[in-house]
N, C-alpha and C. Protein backbone atom coordinates (compact mmCIF):
# COMPACT_ATOMS: atom_id res chain seq x y z
N MET A 1 -135.93 -14.44 8.82
CA MET A 1 -135.36 -13.81 7.16
C MET A 1 -135.74 -15.62 6.66
N LYS A 2 -135.99 -15.48 5.54
CA LYS A 2 -135.59 -16.89 5.12
C LYS A 2 -134.27 -16.53 3.95
N ILE A 3 -133.81 -18.04 4.44
CA ILE A 3 -132.43 -17.64 3.77
C ILE A 3 -132.15 -18.41 2.22
N PRO A 4 -131.98 -17.79 1.61
CA PRO A 4 -132.09 -17.82 0.06
C PRO A 4 -131.64 -19.47 -0.75
N GLU A 5 -131.55 -19.78 -1.84
CA GLU A 5 -130.97 -20.78 -2.41
C GLU A 5 -129.37 -20.46 -2.90
N TYR A 6 -128.22 -20.04 -2.41
CA TYR A 6 -127.30 -19.78 -3.09
C TYR A 6 -126.96 -19.98 -3.89
N VAL A 7 -126.86 -21.56 -4.39
CA VAL A 7 -126.78 -22.70 -5.41
C VAL A 7 -127.41 -23.49 -5.54
N THR A 8 -127.86 -22.77 -6.80
CA THR A 8 -129.83 -23.72 -6.94
C THR A 8 -129.44 -24.83 -8.09
N VAL A 9 -130.76 -25.40 -7.84
CA VAL A 9 -130.16 -27.17 -8.57
C VAL A 9 -130.12 -26.98 -10.07
N ALA A 10 -130.15 -26.47 -10.57
CA ALA A 10 -130.14 -26.17 -12.04
C ALA A 10 -128.91 -25.84 -12.53
N GLU A 11 -128.30 -24.74 -11.57
CA GLU A 11 -126.78 -24.61 -11.83
C GLU A 11 -125.39 -26.18 -11.90
N VAL A 12 -126.34 -26.86 -9.97
CA VAL A 12 -125.88 -28.19 -10.27
C VAL A 12 -126.04 -29.02 -10.88
N ARG A 13 -126.85 -29.11 -11.84
CA ARG A 13 -126.99 -30.03 -12.92
C ARG A 13 -126.02 -29.71 -13.86
N ARG A 14 -125.91 -27.86 -13.99
CA ARG A 14 -125.87 -27.74 -15.31
C ARG A 14 -124.14 -27.95 -15.13
N VAL A 15 -123.15 -28.16 -13.79
CA VAL A 15 -122.46 -28.28 -14.01
C VAL A 15 -121.73 -29.82 -13.93
N CYS A 16 -122.83 -30.22 -13.60
CA CYS A 16 -122.64 -32.21 -13.76
C CYS A 16 -122.62 -32.74 -14.74
N LYS A 17 -123.70 -31.66 -15.59
CA LYS A 17 -123.78 -31.69 -17.26
C LYS A 17 -122.69 -31.51 -17.76
N GLU A 18 -121.69 -30.35 -18.23
CA GLU A 18 -120.41 -30.34 -18.15
C GLU A 18 -119.38 -31.41 -18.18
N LEU A 19 -119.07 -31.42 -16.36
CA LEU A 19 -117.96 -32.28 -15.98
C LEU A 19 -118.60 -33.86 -16.86
N LYS A 20 -119.23 -34.34 -16.77
CA LYS A 20 -119.98 -35.36 -17.60
C LYS A 20 -120.00 -36.67 -16.29
N LEU A 21 -120.90 -35.63 -15.21
CA LEU A 21 -121.29 -36.86 -14.25
C LEU A 21 -122.71 -36.66 -14.39
N ARG A 22 -123.11 -37.84 -13.72
CA ARG A 22 -124.54 -38.23 -13.30
C ARG A 22 -125.15 -36.61 -12.64
N ASP A 23 -126.26 -36.80 -12.32
CA ASP A 23 -127.05 -35.83 -11.62
C ASP A 23 -127.44 -35.70 -10.18
N TRP A 24 -126.05 -35.33 -9.34
CA TRP A 24 -125.60 -34.99 -7.98
C TRP A 24 -126.85 -34.12 -7.21
N THR A 25 -127.66 -33.77 -8.09
CA THR A 25 -129.01 -33.39 -7.48
C THR A 25 -130.12 -34.63 -6.85
N ALA A 26 -130.05 -35.54 -7.64
CA ALA A 26 -130.64 -36.66 -7.56
C ALA A 26 -130.50 -37.59 -6.37
N MET A 27 -128.50 -37.53 -6.24
CA MET A 27 -128.20 -38.77 -5.15
C MET A 27 -128.91 -38.97 -3.66
N LYS A 28 -129.51 -39.95 -3.66
CA LYS A 28 -129.80 -40.96 -2.16
C LYS A 28 -129.08 -41.13 -1.34
N GLY A 29 -128.10 -41.50 -1.45
CA GLY A 29 -127.09 -41.04 -0.18
C GLY A 29 -125.96 -40.41 -0.53
N THR A 30 -124.75 -41.25 -0.14
CA THR A 30 -123.29 -40.17 -0.47
C THR A 30 -121.87 -41.07 -1.16
N LYS A 31 -122.65 -42.15 -1.69
CA LYS A 31 -121.84 -42.42 -2.61
C LYS A 31 -121.18 -41.96 -3.62
N VAL A 32 -119.86 -42.11 -3.76
CA VAL A 32 -119.45 -41.06 -5.23
C VAL A 32 -117.98 -42.33 -5.66
N LEU A 33 -118.12 -42.12 -6.84
CA LEU A 33 -117.70 -42.83 -7.79
C LEU A 33 -116.03 -42.65 -7.96
N PRO A 34 -115.19 -43.36 -7.85
CA PRO A 34 -113.88 -42.92 -8.04
C PRO A 34 -113.91 -42.67 -9.50
N LYS A 35 -114.06 -42.43 -10.74
CA LYS A 35 -114.42 -41.79 -11.78
C LYS A 35 -114.50 -40.16 -11.35
N GLU A 36 -115.95 -40.86 -10.86
CA GLU A 36 -116.62 -38.66 -10.38
C GLU A 36 -115.10 -38.19 -9.55
N ALA A 37 -114.60 -38.91 -8.71
CA ALA A 37 -114.23 -38.20 -7.98
C ALA A 37 -112.75 -37.43 -8.82
N LYS A 38 -112.37 -38.30 -9.67
CA LYS A 38 -110.96 -38.15 -10.31
C LYS A 38 -111.69 -36.53 -11.69
N THR A 39 -112.44 -36.57 -11.77
CA THR A 39 -112.68 -35.72 -13.02
C THR A 39 -112.85 -34.27 -11.80
N ILE A 40 -113.61 -34.48 -10.21
CA ILE A 40 -114.00 -32.97 -9.77
C ILE A 40 -112.39 -33.13 -9.87
N LEU A 41 -111.84 -33.45 -8.50
CA LEU A 41 -109.83 -33.40 -8.86
C LEU A 41 -109.06 -32.31 -9.36
N SER A 42 -109.81 -33.40 -10.72
CA SER A 42 -108.63 -32.37 -11.87
C SER A 42 -108.30 -30.96 -12.59
N VAL A 43 -110.38 -30.44 -11.74
CA VAL A 43 -110.55 -29.15 -11.84
C VAL A 43 -110.26 -28.21 -10.68
N VAL A 44 -110.62 -29.13 -9.42
CA VAL A 44 -110.42 -28.09 -8.04
C VAL A 44 -108.50 -28.11 -8.43
N ASN A 45 -107.62 -29.46 -8.31
CA ASN A 45 -106.94 -29.12 -7.30
C ASN A 45 -105.62 -28.20 -8.96
N THR A 46 -106.19 -26.80 -8.42
CA THR A 46 -105.59 -26.29 -9.34
C THR A 46 -103.75 -26.05 -9.31
N GLN A 47 -103.39 -26.18 -7.76
CA GLN A 47 -102.57 -25.98 -7.61
C GLN A 47 -101.28 -27.70 -7.18
N LYS A 48 -102.16 -27.90 -7.95
CA LYS A 48 -101.38 -29.61 -8.82
C LYS A 48 -100.68 -30.13 -6.82
N MET A 49 -101.70 -30.13 -5.87
CA MET A 49 -101.14 -30.54 -4.74
C MET A 49 -101.84 -32.32 -4.80
N LYS A 50 -100.28 -32.99 -4.51
CA LYS A 50 -100.73 -34.21 -4.33
C LYS A 50 -102.02 -34.77 -3.42
N VAL A 51 -102.45 -35.88 -3.90
CA VAL A 51 -103.97 -36.13 -3.11
C VAL A 51 -104.26 -37.29 -4.00
N PRO A 52 -104.21 -38.15 -3.00
CA PRO A 52 -104.27 -39.87 -3.03
C PRO A 52 -106.13 -39.58 -3.27
N LEU A 53 -106.29 -39.90 -4.58
CA LEU A 53 -107.77 -40.54 -5.21
C LEU A 53 -108.64 -40.63 -3.94
N GLU A 54 -108.61 -41.73 -3.31
CA GLU A 54 -109.17 -42.33 -2.83
C GLU A 54 -109.74 -41.69 -1.20
N GLU A 55 -108.56 -40.88 -1.30
CA GLU A 55 -108.47 -39.34 0.88
C GLU A 55 -109.87 -38.83 -0.56
N PHE A 56 -109.32 -38.30 -1.29
CA PHE A 56 -110.16 -37.37 -1.67
C PHE A 56 -111.99 -38.17 -2.26
N ARG A 57 -111.49 -39.49 -2.52
CA ARG A 57 -113.26 -39.84 -2.78
C ARG A 57 -114.22 -39.80 -1.52
N ARG A 58 -113.36 -40.24 -0.99
CA ARG A 58 -114.06 -40.66 0.85
C ARG A 58 -114.32 -39.13 1.51
N GLY A 59 -113.22 -38.24 1.07
CA GLY A 59 -113.69 -36.42 1.79
C GLY A 59 -115.10 -36.46 0.84
N LEU A 60 -115.12 -36.76 -0.29
CA LEU A 60 -116.38 -35.79 -0.94
C LEU A 60 -117.12 -36.42 -0.43
N GLU A 61 -117.64 -38.12 -0.15
CA GLU A 61 -118.68 -38.55 0.46
C GLU A 61 -119.14 -37.74 1.80
N VAL A 62 -117.77 -37.56 2.55
CA VAL A 62 -117.94 -36.64 3.94
C VAL A 62 -119.17 -35.64 3.78
N GLU A 63 -118.60 -34.83 3.01
CA GLU A 63 -118.62 -33.40 2.57
C GLU A 63 -119.97 -33.29 2.00
N LEU A 64 -120.57 -34.18 1.30
CA LEU A 64 -122.31 -33.92 0.89
C LEU A 64 -122.99 -33.76 2.24
N GLU A 65 -122.41 -33.81 3.49
CA GLU A 65 -123.40 -33.60 4.27
C GLU A 65 -123.45 -32.18 4.26
N HIS A 66 -122.73 -31.15 3.24
CA HIS A 66 -122.96 -30.27 3.31
C HIS A 66 -124.26 -29.58 2.40
N GLY A 67 -124.67 -30.85 1.56
CA GLY A 67 -125.80 -30.72 0.42
C GLY A 67 -126.61 -31.42 1.17
N THR A 68 -127.64 -31.91 -0.23
CA THR A 68 -129.16 -32.37 0.69
C THR A 68 -129.01 -33.24 1.74
N MET A 69 -128.49 -33.58 1.80
CA MET A 69 -128.38 -34.80 2.53
C MET A 69 -129.34 -34.00 3.73
N TYR A 70 -128.99 -33.01 4.71
CA TYR A 70 -129.77 -32.31 4.93
C TYR A 70 -130.39 -30.75 5.33
N LYS A 71 -131.63 -31.36 4.74
CA LYS A 71 -132.60 -29.70 3.56
C LYS A 71 -131.90 -28.70 4.93
N ASP A 72 -132.11 -28.24 5.65
CA ASP A 72 -131.85 -27.82 6.58
C ASP A 72 -131.03 -26.96 6.98
N VAL A 73 -130.07 -27.56 6.57
CA VAL A 73 -128.86 -26.54 6.86
C VAL A 73 -127.69 -27.08 4.97
N ASN A 74 -128.89 -27.33 3.78
CA ASN A 74 -128.17 -27.91 2.70
C ASN A 74 -127.32 -26.35 2.26
N VAL A 75 -126.56 -26.21 1.93
CA VAL A 75 -125.11 -25.21 1.84
C VAL A 75 -125.43 -25.01 0.03
N THR A 76 -124.64 -26.72 -0.06
CA THR A 76 -124.00 -26.97 -1.89
C THR A 76 -124.90 -27.11 -2.76
N ASN A 77 -126.45 -27.80 -2.41
CA ASN A 77 -127.45 -28.85 -3.27
C ASN A 77 -126.41 -29.13 -4.04
N ASN A 78 -125.66 -30.15 -3.02
CA ASN A 78 -124.64 -31.28 -4.01
C ASN A 78 -123.79 -31.31 -4.95
N HIS A 79 -123.08 -29.28 -5.20
CA HIS A 79 -122.70 -28.89 -6.29
C HIS A 79 -121.15 -29.54 -5.69
N PRO A 80 -121.09 -30.16 -6.92
CA PRO A 80 -119.72 -31.29 -7.02
C PRO A 80 -118.29 -30.31 -6.57
N LEU A 81 -117.87 -29.43 -7.60
CA LEU A 81 -116.59 -28.19 -7.46
C LEU A 81 -116.70 -28.07 -6.17
N LEU A 82 -118.42 -27.35 -5.45
CA LEU A 82 -117.84 -26.63 -4.29
C LEU A 82 -117.95 -27.92 -3.65
N THR A 83 -118.25 -28.75 -3.07
CA THR A 83 -118.04 -29.99 -2.65
C THR A 83 -116.88 -30.56 -2.56
N GLY A 84 -115.54 -30.56 -3.55
CA GLY A 84 -114.41 -30.78 -3.86
C GLY A 84 -113.75 -29.99 -3.32
N MET A 85 -113.85 -28.53 -3.00
CA MET A 85 -113.22 -27.64 -2.72
C MET A 85 -113.50 -27.89 -1.20
N ILE A 86 -114.38 -27.58 -0.50
CA ILE A 86 -114.46 -28.19 0.70
C ILE A 86 -113.30 -29.37 1.07
N VAL A 87 -113.38 -30.47 0.29
CA VAL A 87 -112.54 -31.41 0.63
C VAL A 87 -111.05 -31.18 0.34
N LEU A 88 -110.47 -30.28 -0.72
CA LEU A 88 -108.94 -30.50 -0.51
C LEU A 88 -108.70 -29.54 0.36
N ALA A 89 -109.29 -27.99 1.02
CA ALA A 89 -109.28 -27.34 1.99
C ALA A 89 -108.45 -27.92 3.27
N HIS A 90 -109.79 -29.04 3.56
CA HIS A 90 -109.68 -29.65 4.65
C HIS A 90 -108.06 -30.64 4.41
N LEU A 91 -107.81 -30.93 3.72
CA LEU A 91 -106.74 -31.66 2.94
C LEU A 91 -105.25 -30.63 2.96
N LYS A 92 -106.06 -29.25 3.13
CA LYS A 92 -104.70 -28.42 2.64
C LYS A 92 -104.59 -28.26 4.25
N GLU A 93 -105.19 -28.36 5.41
CA GLU A 93 -105.32 -28.65 6.36
C GLU A 93 -104.01 -29.49 7.28
N MET A 94 -104.66 -31.09 6.50
CA MET A 94 -103.46 -31.99 7.34
C MET A 94 -104.33 -33.09 6.35
N MET A 95 -103.47 -33.93 5.76
CA MET A 95 -103.99 -34.95 4.96
C MET A 95 -104.62 -35.68 5.16
N ASP A 96 -104.34 -36.06 6.65
CA ASP A 96 -105.10 -37.46 7.11
C ASP A 96 -106.00 -36.56 8.43
N TYR A 97 -106.51 -35.22 7.36
CA TYR A 97 -108.64 -34.91 8.83
C TYR A 97 -109.08 -35.97 8.39
N TYR A 98 -109.69 -36.82 7.66
CA TYR A 98 -110.77 -37.75 7.51
C TYR A 98 -110.47 -38.63 8.65
N GLU A 99 -109.33 -39.06 8.68
CA GLU A 99 -109.01 -40.20 9.19
C GLU A 99 -109.44 -39.53 11.11
N ARG A 100 -108.83 -38.47 11.24
CA ARG A 100 -109.13 -37.94 12.33
C ARG A 100 -110.74 -37.81 12.60
N LEU A 101 -110.76 -37.04 11.77
CA LEU A 101 -112.77 -36.77 11.25
C LEU A 101 -113.30 -38.29 11.92
N GLU A 102 -113.39 -39.02 11.21
CA GLU A 102 -113.62 -40.42 11.88
C GLU A 102 -113.55 -41.52 13.07
N VAL A 103 -112.15 -40.65 13.33
CA VAL A 103 -111.59 -40.79 15.26
C VAL A 103 -112.74 -40.41 16.20
N ALA A 104 -112.80 -38.72 15.87
CA ALA A 104 -113.75 -37.93 16.61
C ALA A 104 -115.41 -37.98 17.02
N GLU A 105 -115.55 -38.49 15.29
CA GLU A 105 -117.00 -38.64 15.18
C GLU A 105 -117.10 -40.28 16.15
N LEU A 106 -116.42 -41.31 15.76
CA LEU A 106 -117.13 -42.64 16.53
C LEU A 106 -116.69 -42.27 18.25
N GLU A 107 -115.71 -41.52 19.08
CA GLU A 107 -115.77 -41.09 20.04
C GLU A 107 -116.73 -40.37 20.56
N GLY A 108 -117.51 -39.21 19.85
CA GLY A 108 -118.80 -38.79 20.19
C GLY A 108 -120.63 -39.81 19.94
N ASP A 109 -120.01 -40.74 18.86
CA ASP A 109 -121.22 -41.88 18.96
C ASP A 109 -120.87 -42.57 20.59
N LEU A 110 -119.96 -43.04 20.67
CA LEU A 110 -119.50 -43.96 21.81
C LEU A 110 -120.27 -43.66 23.35
N LEU A 111 -119.74 -41.88 22.98
CA LEU A 111 -120.01 -41.37 24.19
C LEU A 111 -121.73 -41.53 24.16
N LYS A 112 -122.22 -41.21 22.77
CA LYS A 112 -124.07 -40.92 23.43
C LYS A 112 -124.39 -42.27 23.36
N ALA A 113 -124.12 -43.56 23.33
CA ALA A 113 -124.29 -45.10 23.37
C ALA A 113 -123.56 -45.11 25.28
N VAL A 114 -122.67 -44.95 25.84
CA VAL A 114 -122.89 -44.89 27.09
C VAL A 114 -124.03 -44.31 27.53
N VAL A 115 -124.49 -43.00 27.75
CA VAL A 115 -125.11 -42.25 28.02
C VAL A 115 -126.51 -42.68 28.34
N ALA A 116 -126.94 -43.74 26.60
CA ALA A 116 -127.84 -44.03 26.51
C ALA A 116 -128.41 -45.85 27.35
N LYS A 117 -126.96 -45.65 27.71
CA LYS A 117 -126.56 -47.42 28.50
C LYS A 117 -127.00 -48.54 27.60
N ASN A 118 -126.33 -48.60 26.40
CA ASN A 118 -126.84 -49.85 24.89
C ASN A 118 -125.71 -50.26 24.94
N PRO A 119 -125.63 -51.28 25.38
CA PRO A 119 -124.92 -52.32 24.88
C PRO A 119 -124.16 -52.39 23.75
N GLU A 120 -125.03 -53.05 23.68
CA GLU A 120 -124.54 -52.92 21.89
C GLU A 120 -124.09 -52.40 20.92
N LYS A 121 -124.71 -50.99 21.22
CA LYS A 121 -124.29 -49.97 20.22
C LYS A 121 -122.41 -49.29 21.23
N ILE A 122 -122.64 -49.80 22.50
CA ILE A 122 -121.12 -49.38 23.04
C ILE A 122 -120.07 -50.60 22.36
N ARG A 123 -120.60 -51.53 22.60
CA ARG A 123 -119.67 -53.03 21.84
C ARG A 123 -118.89 -52.55 20.55
N ASN A 124 -119.92 -52.06 19.76
CA ASN A 124 -119.86 -51.90 18.39
C ASN A 124 -118.91 -50.50 18.36
N TYR A 125 -118.88 -49.50 19.02
CA TYR A 125 -118.56 -48.29 18.84
C TYR A 125 -116.89 -48.64 19.24
N ILE A 126 -116.77 -48.57 20.07
CA ILE A 126 -115.60 -49.19 20.64
C ILE A 126 -114.76 -50.50 19.64
N LYS A 127 -115.31 -51.02 18.81
CA LYS A 127 -114.82 -52.17 17.72
C LYS A 127 -113.85 -51.32 16.97
N ARG A 128 -114.97 -50.28 16.46
CA ARG A 128 -115.10 -49.13 14.98
C ARG A 128 -113.98 -47.86 15.61
N LEU A 129 -114.15 -47.67 16.51
CA LEU A 129 -113.38 -46.71 17.53
C LEU A 129 -111.15 -47.48 17.38
N PHE A 130 -111.55 -48.47 17.52
CA PHE A 130 -109.86 -49.05 17.72
C PHE A 130 -109.81 -49.17 16.58
N ASP A 131 -110.68 -49.49 15.04
CA ASP A 131 -110.06 -49.92 13.71
C ASP A 131 -109.46 -48.55 13.14
N ALA A 132 -110.56 -47.03 13.91
CA ALA A 132 -110.02 -46.45 13.45
C ALA A 132 -108.95 -45.84 14.14
N LYS A 133 -108.84 -45.79 14.97
CA LYS A 133 -106.97 -44.91 15.83
C LYS A 133 -106.58 -46.14 15.17
N VAL A 134 -106.52 -47.57 14.22
CA VAL A 134 -104.94 -48.07 13.94
C VAL A 134 -104.71 -47.84 12.97
N ILE A 135 -105.45 -46.83 12.35
CA ILE A 135 -105.71 -46.68 11.27
C ILE A 135 -105.02 -45.22 10.67
N LEU A 136 -105.55 -44.83 12.27
CA LEU A 136 -104.97 -42.95 11.63
C LEU A 136 -103.27 -43.41 12.47
N SER A 137 -103.11 -44.17 13.28
CA SER A 137 -101.84 -44.58 14.14
C SER A 137 -100.53 -44.81 13.28
N LYS A 138 -101.75 -45.93 12.13
CA LYS A 138 -100.27 -45.89 11.08
C LYS A 138 -99.85 -44.99 10.15
N THR A 139 -101.61 -43.87 9.45
CA THR A 139 -100.95 -42.99 8.88
C THR A 139 -99.78 -41.77 9.24
N GLU A 140 -100.09 -41.55 10.69
CA GLU A 140 -99.17 -41.03 11.54
C GLU A 140 -98.10 -41.12 11.43
N SER A 141 -97.97 -41.68 11.52
CA SER A 141 -96.12 -42.95 11.53
C SER A 141 -95.75 -42.99 10.32
N GLY A 142 -96.29 -42.85 9.05
CA GLY A 142 -96.12 -43.44 7.62
C GLY A 142 -95.47 -41.35 7.93
N GLN A 143 -95.86 -40.72 8.24
CA GLN A 143 -95.88 -39.21 8.16
C GLN A 143 -94.22 -39.03 8.74
N LEU A 144 -93.47 -39.95 10.17
CA LEU A 144 -92.55 -39.53 10.39
C LEU A 144 -91.44 -39.58 10.06
């Protein structure tokens, strides 16, 4: 079965133009500007949830993996509002969602490095994992 393109490039371009954003279909990476994040958050945050802008921006960069980053699993075509809604849904679950995700992904990367017996990568991932856990611990202690 051929999977259809549910969100067209033309639609993403239309939305980007209407929101006065650069063309997200032409993005080469996942870098989201604070101004773009602010615009998107102002549209998708209809319930006026308290969302730190930097956390939302970081979430947009993570969730762009559902777009053109991986052609075979492209769901959103980098649609800024759909990507923003994905971020907001995760932040509704827990505001520290992306800190927890960072720890989980680094743990997986560390395991791959151990299996590959790559000492340089192991050291790198241990350091990054330690730093990510410190950030998560600070976030958690701020919630108590």
